[in-house]
């Protein structure tokens, strides 16, 4: 006969073995397994570049020339963090247009290890220091005594920084599924960040991220860094009141779709004059348990807020500090309507190489109804981000059955083709054979861009048309 003690021990062991099945029966789910951590590699170089705070030369918010105080003073030598695809540092990895001067987004999930392969291609010594992550002295990236390897990387040299996204690096229980941190150099930190060496780190909650470490609880993330860059030793003309290194609406690409969940990571850097209050027109955001449309930032601040993008339109996004607004710390963001089928498709167009002695544009009825008449609108790029309307007689009053095509040809274009980098076409109005009409719900709906450079990356939305208002700075 078995002892009572033996029966109790065997029963306890059986109970332990049965726990997973009991949990599944109670919850309808398998017990979660620990999330496997990853080692994520980034290849980042510090490089000296020329940077233009207003590459269009215009105030894109007012449709006017940039104020006279800044005209001719927007292009400066800077140093930037630039990401490459591998350890050879030959192929630059594209980054979103909206990042502007910022370095690449470094991402990880709680539990991951980040390896940053840093190559200093600039003419000064630098390093790489992260906020919020765990590291040893060799990966601190800060120049002071006592110091270890990685504290200073001379020109032409490299170092691999190892950072750990531990529990304290990730979101708190009150946060969303991702939070933002700064990375920047720390040899002469104030001078280096003013040169443009700064970028974001985004850490997602363990088990709540996609394979690329982007969080699952939102559809899009944007980073907006507010900083006054000093290019002329505090002279007003050299103080660039920038969002991501761009002024007077020249920051482009803050585009989302109606209904998307968007997380804004807001950051600031600089000195005592860098007291910023980012403000959104058209929408509010949620900061943990609070609703607001203005966030307070101090130098080196990092705040993540959430928005439900459910108010289609193009809206102002700016620092609410009056002096900063006047100095150009403003841009726009756009919530695009939910997509709908386009009744016209632009198949091909070439305005630089003639075909049979003519420039050409071909469109097709991509819908299900016969088109009786349509009219196209056209705009031209002199530089990316700056478009202006161009009169172009592209209209047809001939019936166009579903699937049918029509071409427009001209021997000469209205403007000299060598001055134009790209052309935009989109339907201005369409009348169907049944007398129903199609009108655009937003300017440029169904647009297509034809670039001189065939490898030019696609644009997420058409830039705002610049109708010159003639507004000039009184000074």
Protein backbone atom coordinates (compact mmCIF):
# COMPACT_ATOMS: atom_id res chain seq x y z
CA UNK A 1 0.00 0.00 0.00
CA UNK A 2 1.38 3.42 -1.02
CA UNK A 3 1.94 6.00 1.64
CA UNK A 4 -0.28 9.00 2.02
CA UNK A 5 2.79 11.19 1.46
CA UNK A 6 3.54 9.47 -1.89
CA UNK A 7 -0.05 9.90 -3.09
CA UNK A 8 0.03 13.58 -2.24
CA UNK A 9 3.32 14.15 -4.10
CA UNK A 10 2.12 12.31 -7.23
CA UNK A 11 -1.15 14.21 -7.19
CA UNK A 12 0.76 17.50 -6.95
CA UNK A 13 3.01 16.54 -9.88
CA UNK A 14 -0.02 15.60 -11.96
CA UNK A 15 -1.58 18.93 -11.16
CA UNK A 16 1.54 20.79 -12.35
CA UNK A 17 1.53 18.87 -15.63
CA UNK A 18 -2.13 19.68 -16.09
CA UNK A 19 -1.78 23.46 -15.57
CA UNK A 20 -1.32 24.40 -19.29
CA UNK A 21 -4.42 22.39 -20.24
CA UNK A 22 -6.42 23.94 -17.39
CA UNK A 23 -5.38 27.42 -18.50
CA UNK A 24 -6.35 26.69 -22.07
CA UNK A 25 -9.73 25.34 -20.96
CA UNK A 26 -10.35 28.38 -18.77
CA UNK A 27 -9.28 31.04 -21.26
CA UNK A 28 -9.73 29.35 -24.60
CA UNK A 29 -6.08 30.19 -25.38
CA UNK A 30 -2.70 28.56 -25.06
CA UNK A 31 -0.53 29.98 -22.27
CA UNK A 32 1.79 32.60 -23.81
CA UNK A 33 5.41 31.61 -24.32
CA UNK A 34 8.20 34.06 -23.54
CA UNK A 35 8.94 36.39 -26.45
CA UNK A 36 12.26 35.55 -28.10
CA UNK A 37 14.62 38.51 -27.98
CA UNK A 38 16.46 39.63 -31.09
CA UNK A 39 19.76 41.24 -31.90
CA UNK A 40 19.08 44.20 -34.19
CA UNK A 41 21.88 45.73 -36.23
CA UNK A 42 22.10 49.30 -37.50
CA UNK A 43 24.83 50.75 -39.72
CA UNK A 44 25.07 54.47 -39.14
CA UNK A 45 27.68 56.98 -40.30
CA UNK A 46 28.29 60.58 -39.28
CA UNK A 47 28.80 62.58 -42.48
CA UNK A 48 29.36 66.23 -43.30
CA UNK A 49 26.69 67.51 -45.70
CA UNK A 50 25.08 70.70 -46.95
CA UNK A 51 21.61 71.19 -45.49
CA UNK A 52 18.91 73.63 -46.59
CA UNK A 53 16.31 74.58 -43.97
CA UNK A 54 13.97 75.80 -46.73
CA UNK A 55 14.88 73.91 -49.93
CA UNK A 56 11.99 75.43 -51.89
CA UNK A 57 13.11 78.95 -51.03
CA UNK A 58 9.50 79.70 -50.12
CA UNK A 59 7.08 79.85 -47.23
CA UNK A 60 4.89 76.92 -48.24
CA UNK A 61 2.22 77.87 -45.69
CA UNK A 62 1.56 81.31 -47.17
CA UNK A 63 2.47 80.62 -50.80
CA UNK A 64 5.00 83.44 -50.65
CA UNK A 65 8.76 83.89 -50.87
CA UNK A 66 10.58 83.07 -47.66
CA UNK A 67 10.81 86.21 -45.45
CA UNK A 68 13.62 88.51 -46.49
CA UNK A 69 15.40 88.11 -43.15
CA UNK A 70 16.14 84.46 -43.98
CA UNK A 71 16.50 84.66 -47.76
CA UNK A 72 19.99 83.55 -48.74
CA UNK A 73 20.71 82.22 -45.22
CA UNK A 74 19.00 78.83 -45.23
CA UNK A 75 21.80 76.63 -46.60
CA UNK A 76 24.54 75.56 -44.16
CA UNK A 77 27.19 72.92 -43.68
CA UNK A 78 25.91 70.32 -41.23
CA UNK A 79 26.76 66.83 -39.99
CA UNK A 80 24.12 64.12 -40.06
CA UNK A 81 23.58 60.52 -39.02
CA UNK A 82 22.99 58.54 -42.21
CA UNK A 83 21.92 54.89 -42.25
CA UNK A 84 23.37 52.26 -44.61
CA UNK A 85 22.14 48.80 -45.49
CA UNK A 86 25.18 46.83 -44.25
CA UNK A 87 28.71 46.96 -42.87
CA UNK A 88 30.15 48.05 -46.22
CA UNK A 89 28.58 51.52 -45.84
CA UNK A 90 28.03 51.82 -49.59
CA UNK A 91 24.24 51.79 -50.04
CA UNK A 92 22.21 54.41 -48.18
CA UNK A 93 18.99 53.10 -46.64
CA UNK A 94 16.06 55.36 -47.60
CA UNK A 95 14.25 57.08 -44.76
CA UNK A 96 10.85 58.79 -44.63
CA UNK A 97 10.69 62.32 -46.01
CA UNK A 98 9.22 63.58 -42.73
CA UNK A 99 12.35 62.71 -40.73
CA UNK A 100 14.10 65.69 -42.28
CA UNK A 101 17.53 66.27 -40.77
CA UNK A 102 17.07 63.57 -38.11
CA UNK A 103 19.03 60.36 -38.22
CA UNK A 104 17.29 57.02 -38.81
CA UNK A 105 14.77 55.63 -36.35
CA UNK A 106 16.48 52.96 -34.25
CA UNK A 107 13.84 50.42 -33.20
CA UNK A 108 13.72 47.51 -30.78
CA UNK A 109 11.31 45.51 -28.63
CA UNK A 110 11.81 45.18 -24.90
CA UNK A 111 14.27 42.32 -24.42
CA UNK A 112 16.19 43.01 -27.65
CA UNK A 113 19.85 43.93 -28.03
CA UNK A 114 20.78 46.77 -30.39
CA UNK A 115 24.13 46.78 -32.17
CA UNK A 116 24.98 50.13 -33.78
CA UNK A 117 27.90 49.88 -36.18
CA UNK A 118 29.07 53.49 -36.15
CA UNK A 119 31.45 54.92 -38.76
CA UNK A 120 32.72 58.47 -38.36
CA UNK A 121 33.09 59.96 -41.83
CA UNK A 122 33.05 63.55 -40.62
CA UNK A 123 36.04 65.81 -40.00
CA UNK A 124 35.59 65.92 -36.22
CA UNK A 125 35.58 63.27 -33.50
CA UNK A 126 32.13 62.04 -32.42
CA UNK A 127 30.44 59.22 -30.55
CA UNK A 128 26.90 57.88 -30.10
CA UNK A 129 25.01 58.13 -26.81
CA UNK A 130 21.50 56.73 -26.23
CA UNK A 131 18.85 57.85 -23.78
CA UNK A 132 16.76 55.26 -21.97
CA UNK A 133 18.70 52.10 -22.85
CA UNK A 134 21.01 49.92 -20.77
CA UNK A 135 24.72 49.79 -21.65
CA UNK A 136 28.19 49.31 -20.22
CA UNK A 137 30.95 51.93 -20.19
CA UNK A 138 32.29 50.88 -23.61
CA UNK A 139 28.89 51.65 -25.15
CA UNK A 140 27.93 54.77 -23.22
CA UNK A 141 29.20 57.06 -25.98
CA UNK A 142 30.18 59.96 -23.72
CA UNK A 143 33.52 61.76 -23.46
CA UNK A 144 34.51 62.36 -19.82
CA UNK A 145 36.73 60.82 -17.16
CA UNK A 146 36.83 57.97 -16.45
CA UNK A 147 36.25 56.84 -20.01
CA UNK A 148 36.50 53.63 -21.94
CA UNK A 149 36.52 52.54 -25.55
CA UNK A 150 33.64 54.01 -27.55
CA UNK A 151 33.84 57.29 -25.65
CA UNK A 152 35.37 59.02 -28.67
CA UNK A 153 35.56 57.90 -32.31
CA UNK A 154 38.11 59.88 -34.37
CA UNK A 155 37.50 60.76 -38.03
CA UNK A 156 37.76 57.70 -40.23
CA UNK A 157 37.37 55.28 -37.33
CA UNK A 158 34.47 53.07 -36.24
CA UNK A 159 33.00 51.47 -33.16
CA UNK A 160 30.18 49.02 -32.43
CA UNK A 161 27.88 50.15 -29.61
CA UNK A 162 25.85 47.50 -27.78
CA UNK A 163 22.66 48.68 -26.11
CA UNK A 164 19.98 46.65 -24.34
CA UNK A 165 16.27 47.44 -24.35
CA UNK A 166 15.43 46.24 -20.86
CA UNK A 167 12.10 46.60 -19.07
CA UNK A 168 12.95 50.13 -17.97
CA UNK A 169 13.55 51.13 -21.61
CA UNK A 170 10.01 50.29 -22.69
CA UNK A 171 6.54 51.68 -22.15
CA UNK A 172 5.06 51.95 -18.67
CA UNK A 173 1.63 50.41 -17.99
CA UNK A 174 -0.01 53.81 -18.72
CA UNK A 175 1.80 54.29 -22.05
CA UNK A 176 0.87 52.99 -25.46
CA UNK A 177 2.89 50.13 -26.92
CA UNK A 178 5.89 52.31 -27.87
CA UNK A 179 7.92 55.16 -26.40
CA UNK A 180 10.62 57.40 -27.83
CA UNK A 181 14.17 58.22 -26.70
CA UNK A 182 16.95 60.42 -28.08
CA UNK A 183 20.35 59.39 -29.43
CA UNK A 184 23.07 61.95 -30.12
CA UNK A 185 26.84 62.47 -29.69
CA UNK A 186 28.42 63.46 -26.40
CA UNK A 187 31.92 64.74 -27.24
CA UNK A 188 30.82 68.39 -27.38
CA UNK A 189 27.11 67.71 -27.16
CA UNK A 190 25.75 71.24 -27.62
CA UNK A 191 27.86 71.92 -30.71
CA UNK A 192 27.21 68.46 -32.18
CA UNK A 193 23.42 68.51 -31.88
CA UNK A 194 23.44 72.02 -33.32
CA UNK A 195 25.36 70.57 -36.25
CA UNK A 196 22.46 68.15 -36.85
CA UNK A 197 23.67 64.96 -35.17
CA UNK A 198 20.54 63.67 -33.46
CA UNK A 199 17.94 60.99 -33.97
CA UNK A 200 15.14 58.92 -32.33
CA UNK A 201 15.02 55.52 -30.68
CA UNK A 202 11.59 53.86 -30.42
CA UNK A 203 11.12 50.91 -28.07
CA UNK A 204 7.98 48.76 -28.26
CA UNK A 205 6.40 46.68 -25.51
CA UNK A 206 7.48 43.02 -25.45
CA UNK A 207 5.05 40.82 -27.35
CA UNK A 208 3.19 43.82 -28.77
CA UNK A 209 5.35 44.52 -31.84
CA UNK A 210 5.61 43.44 -35.45
CA UNK A 211 8.81 41.68 -36.61
CA UNK A 212 10.35 45.08 -37.51
CA UNK A 213 9.70 46.23 -33.89
CA UNK A 214 6.92 48.67 -34.87
CA UNK A 215 4.07 48.62 -32.32
CA UNK A 216 0.83 46.77 -33.02
CA UNK A 217 -1.51 49.24 -31.35
CA UNK A 218 -1.12 52.01 -33.97
CA UNK A 219 -1.07 52.20 -37.77
CA UNK A 220 1.54 54.95 -38.14
CA UNK A 221 4.20 56.72 -36.11
CA UNK A 222 5.76 60.15 -36.72
CA UNK A 223 8.67 61.85 -34.98
CA UNK A 224 8.72 65.65 -34.70
CA UNK A 225 11.77 67.34 -33.16
CA UNK A 226 11.50 71.02 -32.24
CA UNK A 227 14.82 72.85 -32.07
CA UNK A 228 16.30 76.28 -32.82
CA UNK A 229 19.52 75.73 -34.77
CA UNK A 230 22.00 78.59 -34.31
CA UNK A 231 23.99 79.22 -37.48
CA UNK A 232 25.23 82.80 -36.92
CA UNK A 233 26.05 83.02 -33.21
CA UNK A 234 22.60 84.11 -32.03
CA UNK A 235 22.01 86.62 -34.87
CA UNK A 236 18.33 86.51 -35.72
CA UNK A 237 18.89 85.70 -39.41
CA UNK A 238 20.84 82.60 -38.38
CA UNK A 239 18.35 81.23 -35.85
CA UNK A 240 16.52 78.45 -37.65
CA UNK A 241 13.30 77.69 -35.76
CA UNK A 242 12.88 74.24 -37.21
CA UNK A 243 10.77 71.11 -37.01
CA UNK A 244 13.04 68.23 -38.02
CA UNK A 245 15.46 70.78 -39.45
CA UNK A 246 12.98 72.52 -41.79
CA UNK A 247 11.20 75.88 -41.55
CA UNK A 248 8.17 77.69 -43.01
CA UNK A 249 6.23 74.59 -44.05
CA UNK A 250 9.13 72.91 -45.86
CA UNK A 251 8.75 69.77 -43.73
CA UNK A 252 6.78 67.39 -45.95
CA UNK A 253 5.30 63.90 -45.65
CA UNK A 254 3.21 64.01 -42.46
CA UNK A 255 0.40 62.12 -44.19
CA UNK A 256 -2.11 59.62 -42.81
CA UNK A 257 -5.41 58.04 -43.81
CA UNK A 258 -8.83 58.72 -42.35
CA UNK A 259 -9.44 56.32 -39.48
CA UNK A 260 -5.82 55.45 -38.80
CA UNK A 261 -4.39 55.29 -35.29
CA UNK A 262 -1.34 57.55 -35.24
CA UNK A 263 1.34 57.93 -32.59
CA UNK A 264 3.29 61.20 -32.53
CA UNK A 265 6.70 61.10 -30.85
CA UNK A 266 7.53 64.69 -29.88
CA UNK A 267 11.06 65.75 -28.99
CA UNK A 268 13.06 68.89 -28.24
CA UNK A 269 16.72 69.73 -28.01
CA UNK A 270 18.78 72.90 -27.60
CA UNK A 271 19.21 75.44 -24.82
CA UNK A 272 17.15 77.79 -22.64
CA UNK A 273 15.31 79.36 -25.58
CA UNK A 274 14.09 75.92 -26.71
CA UNK A 275 10.82 75.96 -24.79
CA UNK A 276 8.30 74.56 -27.26
CA UNK A 277 4.57 73.88 -27.34
CA UNK A 278 3.61 71.70 -30.34
CA UNK A 279 -0.03 72.32 -31.32
CA UNK A 280 -2.24 70.48 -33.81
CA UNK A 281 -5.12 72.14 -35.64
CA UNK A 282 -8.04 69.89 -36.54
CA UNK A 283 -7.51 67.16 -33.96
CA UNK A 284 -6.73 66.42 -30.32
CA UNK A 285 -4.31 63.85 -28.94
CA UNK A 286 -4.28 61.59 -25.91
CA UNK A 287 -1.40 61.82 -23.44
CA UNK A 288 -1.88 58.79 -21.19
CA UNK A 289 -5.27 59.54 -19.56
CA UNK A 290 -5.54 63.16 -20.68
CA UNK A 291 -6.86 64.92 -23.81
CA UNK A 292 -5.07 67.95 -25.21
CA UNK A 293 -3.96 69.60 -28.45
CA UNK A 294 -0.82 71.27 -27.03
CA UNK A 295 2.22 69.53 -25.50
CA UNK A 296 4.93 71.22 -23.40
CA UNK A 297 8.56 70.41 -24.29
CA UNK A 298 11.87 71.35 -22.65
CA UNK A 299 15.32 70.64 -24.16
CA UNK A 300 15.92 66.87 -24.38
CA UNK A 301 12.21 66.17 -23.72
CA UNK A 302 10.58 63.08 -25.19
CA UNK A 303 6.78 62.67 -25.21
CA UNK A 304 4.60 60.16 -27.09
CA UNK A 305 0.92 60.92 -27.75
CA UNK A 306 -1.85 59.21 -29.72
CA UNK A 307 -4.29 60.55 -32.30
CA UNK A 308 -7.26 59.05 -34.09
CA UNK A 309 -6.99 60.57 -37.58
CA UNK A 310 -10.70 60.95 -38.32
CA UNK A 311 -10.97 64.53 -39.63
CA UNK A 312 -9.81 64.57 -43.28
CA UNK A 313 -8.02 67.70 -44.40
CA UNK A 314 -4.70 69.50 -44.31
CA UNK A 315 -4.08 71.02 -40.90
CA UNK A 316 -1.55 73.32 -39.27
CA UNK A 317 1.06 71.79 -36.94
CA UNK A 318 3.30 74.30 -35.21
CA UNK A 319 4.93 75.57 -32.04
CA UNK A 320 2.49 77.82 -30.20
CA UNK A 321 5.24 80.12 -28.88
CA UNK A 322 4.59 83.36 -30.77
CA UNK A 323 8.21 84.20 -31.64
CA UNK A 324 8.77 80.66 -32.86
CA UNK A 325 5.70 80.75 -35.12
CA UNK A 326 6.80 84.04 -36.68
CA UNK A 327 10.26 82.58 -37.27
CA UNK A 328 8.91 79.59 -39.22
CA UNK A 329 8.46 76.74 -36.70
CA UNK A 330 5.36 75.63 -38.57
CA UNK A 331 4.26 72.99 -41.05
CA UNK A 332 1.14 70.99 -41.97
CA UNK A 333 -0.07 67.44 -41.59
CA UNK A 334 -2.69 65.82 -43.82
CA UNK A 335 -5.43 63.29 -43.10
CA UNK A 336 -6.43 61.84 -46.44
CA UNK A 337 -9.97 60.57 -47.08
CA UNK A 338 -10.48 56.83 -47.32
CA UNK A 339 -9.42 55.72 -50.81
CA UNK A 340 -11.96 55.07 -53.54
CA UNK A 341 -11.52 53.67 -57.06
CA UNK A 342 -10.19 56.17 -59.60
CA UNK A 343 -12.13 56.32 -62.88
CA UNK A 344 -9.07 57.47 -64.84
CA UNK A 345 -5.63 55.86 -64.87
CA UNK A 346 -2.50 57.63 -66.13
CA UNK A 347 -0.57 55.02 -68.07
CA UNK A 348 2.47 56.84 -69.36
CA UNK A 349 3.86 60.28 -69.96
CA UNK A 350 7.18 61.70 -71.07
CA UNK A 351 7.91 65.40 -71.31
CA UNK A 352 11.68 65.27 -71.79
CA UNK A 353 12.14 62.70 -74.56
CA UNK A 354 9.95 63.21 -77.61
CA UNK A 355 8.17 60.28 -79.28
CA UNK A 356 7.67 60.82 -82.99
CA UNK A 357 8.72 64.42 -82.43
CA UNK A 358 6.11 65.04 -79.74
CA UNK A 359 5.68 64.90 -75.96
CA UNK A 360 2.83 62.63 -74.88
CA UNK A 361 0.43 61.65 -72.10
CA UNK A 362 -1.83 58.56 -72.17
CA UNK A 363 -4.84 57.89 -69.92
CA UNK A 364 -7.30 55.01 -69.66
CA UNK A 365 -10.86 54.62 -68.41
CA UNK A 366 -10.21 52.34 -65.44
CA UNK A 367 -13.82 52.34 -64.23
CA UNK A 368 -16.95 50.43 -65.17
CA UNK A 369 -18.93 53.29 -66.75
CA UNK A 370 -18.46 55.02 -70.10
CA UNK A 371 -16.96 58.50 -69.75
CA UNK A 372 -18.55 61.16 -71.91
CA UNK A 373 -16.13 63.99 -71.13
CA UNK A 374 -13.32 64.80 -68.72
CA UNK A 375 -10.85 67.55 -67.88
CA UNK A 376 -7.38 67.12 -66.37
CA UNK A 377 -5.40 69.42 -64.10
CA UNK A 378 -1.63 69.67 -64.29
CA UNK A 379 1.13 71.00 -62.07
CA UNK A 380 4.89 71.14 -62.36
CA UNK A 381 7.81 70.58 -59.98
CA UNK A 382 10.81 72.85 -60.18
CA UNK A 383 12.15 71.14 -57.05
CA UNK A 384 10.58 68.31 -55.01
CA UNK A 385 8.02 69.63 -52.54
CA UNK A 386 7.21 72.77 -54.54
CA UNK A 387 4.53 72.56 -57.22
CA UNK A 388 2.67 75.27 -59.07
CA UNK A 389 -0.30 75.08 -61.48
CA UNK A 390 0.43 74.91 -65.19
CA UNK A 391 -2.26 75.56 -67.80
CA UNK A 392 -2.47 72.47 -69.98
CA UNK A 393 -5.22 71.76 -72.47
CA UNK A 394 -5.88 68.12 -71.60
CA UNK A 395 -9.59 67.57 -71.98
CA UNK A 396 -11.76 65.30 -74.04
CA UNK A 397 -15.42 65.31 -75.07
CA UNK A 398 -15.20 61.97 -76.85
CA UNK A 399 -16.78 58.94 -75.27
CA UNK A 400 -14.30 56.67 -73.57
CA UNK A 401 -15.58 53.16 -72.92
CA UNK A 402 -14.32 51.15 -69.93
CA UNK A 403 -10.76 50.02 -70.67
CA UNK A 404 -10.35 52.41 -73.61
CA UNK A 405 -7.33 54.75 -73.86
CA UNK A 406 -6.70 58.21 -75.21
CA UNK A 407 -3.41 60.07 -75.76
CA UNK A 408 -2.56 63.76 -75.74
CA UNK A 409 0.42 64.97 -77.72
CA UNK A 410 2.17 68.30 -78.19
CA UNK A 411 5.21 69.34 -80.12
CA UNK A 412 6.15 71.88 -77.46
CA UNK A 413 5.37 71.98 -73.76
CA UNK A 414 4.38 75.25 -72.16
CA UNK A 415 7.61 75.47 -70.15
CA UNK A 416 11.11 74.50 -71.16
CA UNK A 417 11.37 70.87 -70.17
CA UNK A 418 14.89 71.21 -68.73
CA UNK A 419 13.58 73.47 -65.93
CA UNK A 420 10.97 70.94 -64.78
CA UNK A 421 11.86 67.96 -62.57
CA UNK A 422 8.42 66.40 -62.60
CA UNK A 423 4.83 66.76 -63.79
CA UNK A 424 1.64 65.98 -61.86
CA UNK A 425 -1.67 65.13 -63.56
CA UNK A 426 -5.01 64.39 -61.95
CA UNK A 427 -8.71 64.47 -62.95
CA UNK A 428 -10.35 67.85 -62.40
CA UNK A 429 -13.82 66.65 -63.41
CA UNK A 430 -15.40 63.65 -65.12
CA UNK A 431 -18.87 63.34 -66.67
CA UNK A 432 -20.20 59.87 -67.41
CA UNK A 433 -22.54 58.83 -70.20
CA UNK A 434 -25.37 58.42 -67.70
CA UNK A 435 -24.94 62.14 -66.76
CA UNK A 436 -23.51 61.34 -63.33
CA UNK A 437 -20.32 63.20 -62.37
CA UNK A 438 -17.11 62.52 -60.50
CA UNK A 439 -15.53 65.39 -58.58
CA UNK A 440 -12.33 65.21 -56.49
CA UNK A 441 -12.85 65.09 -52.73
CA UNK A 442 -9.41 66.60 -52.16
CA UNK A 443 -7.03 68.54 -54.37
CA UNK A 444 -5.01 66.09 -56.40
CA UNK A 445 -7.12 62.99 -55.77
CA UNK A 446 -5.99 60.21 -58.14
CA UNK A 447 -2.81 62.13 -59.01
CA UNK A 448 0.14 60.60 -60.84
CA UNK A 449 3.63 62.08 -60.99
CA UNK A 450 5.94 61.65 -63.95
CA UNK A 451 9.54 62.37 -62.93
CA UNK A 452 12.47 63.27 -65.13
CA UNK A 453 14.45 60.85 -62.93
CA UNK A 454 12.73 57.51 -63.54
CA UNK A 455 14.06 56.17 -60.20
CA UNK A 456 12.57 58.99 -58.11
CA UNK A 457 10.74 57.48 -55.10
CA UNK A 458 6.93 57.72 -55.08
CA UNK A 459 5.25 60.53 -53.15
CA UNK A 460 2.63 59.69 -50.49
CA UNK A 461 0.52 62.70 -51.44
CA UNK A 462 0.53 65.67 -53.74
CA UNK A 463 2.20 68.73 -52.18
CA UNK A 464 0.04 71.78 -51.61
CA UNK A 465 -0.28 73.86 -54.77
CA UNK A 466 1.66 77.10 -54.46
CA UNK A 467 -0.39 80.02 -55.71
CA UNK A 468 1.90 83.02 -55.21
CA UNK A 469 0.06 85.36 -52.87
CA UNK A 470 2.58 88.12 -53.36
CA UNK A 471 2.90 88.52 -49.59
CA UNK A 472 6.32 89.93 -48.80
CA UNK A 473 8.12 90.50 -45.54
CA UNK A 474 7.96 94.27 -44.81
CA UNK A 475 11.61 94.24 -43.77
